[in-house]
Amino acid sequence: MVISYFPGRGTVFEEAYYDGEAKGKAAGKAEGVLRVLEVRGLAVSDDARTRVSDCTDLDRLDGWLDRAGTVQRAEELFEGMPDEPQDEQDS
């Protein structure tokens, strides 16, 4: 039996659904940041591309998207912004 209504029930299916939805939103925003830089003719290093593509923080991606329209170099996206949190494994 498959239940399609799950909001607020905390099921594994619900958690997986919302996790996938959040990852999809982050991937779309990252794609948008990189697209704006590309359309503006700015070179994007592999490191900058990876940093943007790997980011899952929607607020950070929104900030980068806002800045993508005004920076002169892709690396300026990251200047003056706090670093991404380290993975717990890296600590």
C-alpha atoms as a PDB file:
ATOM      1  CA  MET A   1       0.000   0.000   0.000  1.00  0.00           C
ATOM      2  CA  VAL A   2       1.386   3.384  -1.003  1.00  0.00           C
ATOM      3  CA  ILE A   3       0.252   6.469   0.856  1.00  0.00           C
ATOM      4  CA  SER A   4       0.642   9.670  -1.107  1.00  0.00           C
ATOM      5  CA  TYR A   5      -0.344  12.012   1.729  1.00  0.00           C
ATOM      6  CA  PHE A   6       2.479  12.272   4.226  1.00  0.00           C
ATOM      7  CA  PRO A   7       3.020  15.877   5.402  1.00  0.00           C
ATOM      8  CA  GLY A   8       4.077  16.028   9.023  1.00  0.00           C
ATOM      9  CA  ARG A   9       4.169  12.298   9.581  1.00  0.00           C
ATOM     10  CA  GLY A  10       7.994  12.057   9.646  1.00  0.00           C
ATOM     11  CA  THR A  11       8.134   8.910   7.558  1.00  0.00           C
ATOM     12  CA  VAL A  12      11.310   7.808   5.801  1.00  0.00           C
ATOM     13  CA  PHE A  13       9.533   8.429   2.507  1.00  0.00           C
ATOM     14  CA  GLU A  14       8.604  11.962   3.572  1.00  0.00           C
ATOM     15  CA  GLU A  15      12.157  12.740   4.692  1.00  0.00           C
ATOM     16  CA  ALA A  16      13.596  11.370   1.443  1.00  0.00           C
ATOM     17  CA  TYR A  17      11.088  13.390  -0.570  1.00  0.00           C
ATOM     18  CA  TYR A  18      11.921  16.663   1.167  1.00  0.00           C
ATOM     19  CA  ASP A  19      15.655  15.954   1.032  1.00  0.00           C
ATOM     20  CA  GLY A  20      15.396  15.378  -2.720  1.00  0.00           C
ATOM     21  CA  GLU A  21      13.306  18.515  -3.130  1.00  0.00           C
ATOM     22  CA  ALA A  22      15.888  20.623  -1.253  1.00  0.00           C
ATOM     23  CA  LYS A  23      18.763  19.161  -3.268  1.00  0.00           C
ATOM     24  CA  GLY A  24      16.876  19.919  -6.475  1.00  0.00           C
ATOM     25  CA  LYS A  25      16.313  23.529  -5.446  1.00  0.00           C
ATOM     26  CA  ALA A  26      19.996  23.931  -4.546  1.00  0.00           C
ATOM     27  CA  ALA A  27      21.105  22.411  -7.854  1.00  0.00           C
ATOM     28  CA  GLY A  28      18.801  24.761  -9.760  1.00  0.00           C
ATOM     29  CA  LYS A  29      20.083  27.830  -7.940  1.00  0.00           C
ATOM     30  CA  ALA A  30      23.702  26.752  -8.459  1.00  0.00           C
ATOM     31  CA  GLU A  31      22.981  26.304 -12.153  1.00  0.00           C
ATOM     32  CA  GLY A  32      21.495  29.804 -12.209  1.00  0.00           C
ATOM     33  CA  VAL A  33      24.582  31.348 -10.598  1.00  0.00           C
ATOM     34  CA  LEU A  34      26.873  29.678 -13.117  1.00  0.00           C
ATOM     35  CA  ARG A  35      24.592  30.609 -16.022  1.00  0.00           C
ATOM     36  CA  VAL A  36      24.575  34.313 -15.086  1.00  0.00           C
ATOM     37  CA  LEU A  37      28.373  34.305 -14.930  1.00  0.00           C
ATOM     38  CA  GLU A  38      28.557  32.518 -18.288  1.00  0.00           C
ATOM     39  CA  VAL A  39      26.127  34.891 -20.006  1.00  0.00           C
ATOM     40  CA  ARG A  40      28.141  37.832 -18.680  1.00  0.00           C
ATOM     41  CA  GLY A  41      31.251  36.313 -20.285  1.00  0.00           C
ATOM     42  CA  LEU A  42      33.113  35.754 -17.016  1.00  0.00           C
ATOM     43  CA  ALA A  43      35.580  32.899 -16.760  1.00  0.00           C
ATOM     44  CA  VAL A  44      34.713  30.421 -14.012  1.00  0.00           C
ATOM     45  CA  SER A  45      37.567  28.349 -12.616  1.00  0.00           C
ATOM     46  CA  ASP A  46      37.056  24.675 -11.857  1.00  0.00           C
ATOM     47  CA  ASP A  47      37.371  25.477  -8.136  1.00  0.00           C
ATOM     48  CA  ALA A  48      34.679  28.176  -8.294  1.00  0.00           C
ATOM     49  CA  ARG A  49      32.404  25.934 -10.391  1.00  0.00           C
ATOM     50  CA  THR A  50      32.801  23.085  -7.893  1.00  0.00           C
ATOM     51  CA  ARG A  51      32.228  25.377  -4.910  1.00  0.00           C
ATOM     52  CA  VAL A  52      28.981  26.678  -6.401  1.00  0.00           C
ATOM     53  CA  SER A  53      27.794  23.291  -7.684  1.00  0.00           C
ATOM     54  CA  ASP A  54      28.474  21.498  -4.385  1.00  0.00           C
ATOM     55  CA  CYS A  55      26.750  24.103  -2.226  1.00  0.00           C
ATOM     56  CA  THR A  56      23.437  23.047  -0.653  1.00  0.00           C
ATOM     57  CA  ASP A  57      22.841  26.197   1.426  1.00  0.00           C
ATOM     58  CA  LEU A  58      19.903  27.934  -0.292  1.00  0.00           C
ATOM     59  CA  ASP A  59      20.548  31.280   1.439  1.00  0.00           C
ATOM     60  CA  ARG A  60      24.202  31.257   0.360  1.00  0.00           C
ATOM     61  CA  LEU A  61      23.191  30.373  -3.201  1.00  0.00           C
ATOM     62  CA  ASP A  62      20.668  33.236  -3.200  1.00  0.00           C
ATOM     63  CA  GLY A  63      23.459  35.606  -2.137  1.00  0.00           C
ATOM     64  CA  TRP A  64      25.738  34.326  -4.879  1.00  0.00           C
ATOM     65  CA  LEU A  65      22.943  34.638  -7.433  1.00  0.00           C
ATOM     66  CA  ASP A  66      22.389  38.257  -6.379  1.00  0.00           C
ATOM     67  CA  ARG A  67      26.113  38.978  -6.690  1.00  0.00           C
ATOM     68  CA  ALA A  68      26.585  37.109  -9.992  1.00  0.00           C
ATOM     69  CA  GLY A  69      25.096  40.041 -11.886  1.00  0.00           C
ATOM     70  CA  THR A  70      27.588  42.585 -10.586  1.00  0.00           C
ATOM     71  CA  VAL A  71      30.945  40.911  -9.927  1.00  0.00           C
ATOM     72  CA  GLN A  72      33.869  41.450 -12.280  1.00  0.00           C
ATOM     73  CA  ARG A  73      35.416  38.018 -11.601  1.00  0.00           C
ATOM     74  CA  ALA A  74      33.700  34.794 -10.532  1.00  0.00           C
ATOM     75  CA  GLU A  75      35.911  34.558  -7.423  1.00  0.00           C
ATOM     76  CA  GLU A  76      34.396  37.826  -6.164  1.00  0.00           C
ATOM     77  CA  LEU A  77      31.227  35.868  -5.371  1.00  0.00           C
ATOM     78  CA  PHE A  78      32.988  34.433  -2.335  1.00  0.00           C
ATOM     79  CA  GLU A  79      34.772  37.552  -1.063  1.00  0.00           C
ATOM     80  CA  GLY A  80      33.492  38.904   2.226  1.00  0.00           C
ATOM     81  CA  MET A  81      31.190  35.941   2.769  1.00  0.00           C
ATOM     82  CA  PRO A  82      31.671  33.403   5.562  1.00  0.00           C
ATOM     83  CA  ASP A  83      33.151  30.079   4.521  1.00  0.00           C
ATOM     84  CA  GLU A  84      30.927  27.074   4.085  1.00  0.00           C
ATOM     85  CA  PRO A  85      30.611  24.894   7.165  1.00  0.00           C
ATOM     86  CA  GLN A  86      33.024  21.970   7.210  1.00  0.00           C
ATOM     87  CA  ASP A  87      31.674  18.435   6.989  1.00  0.00           C
ATOM     88  CA  GLU A  88      31.576  16.783  10.378  1.00  0.00           C
ATOM     89  CA  GLN A  89      34.055  14.214   9.041  1.00  0.00           C
ATOM     90  CA  ASP A  90      36.587  16.975   8.311  1.00  0.00           C
ATOM     91  CA  SER A  91      36.575  18.257  11.899  1.00  0.00           C
END
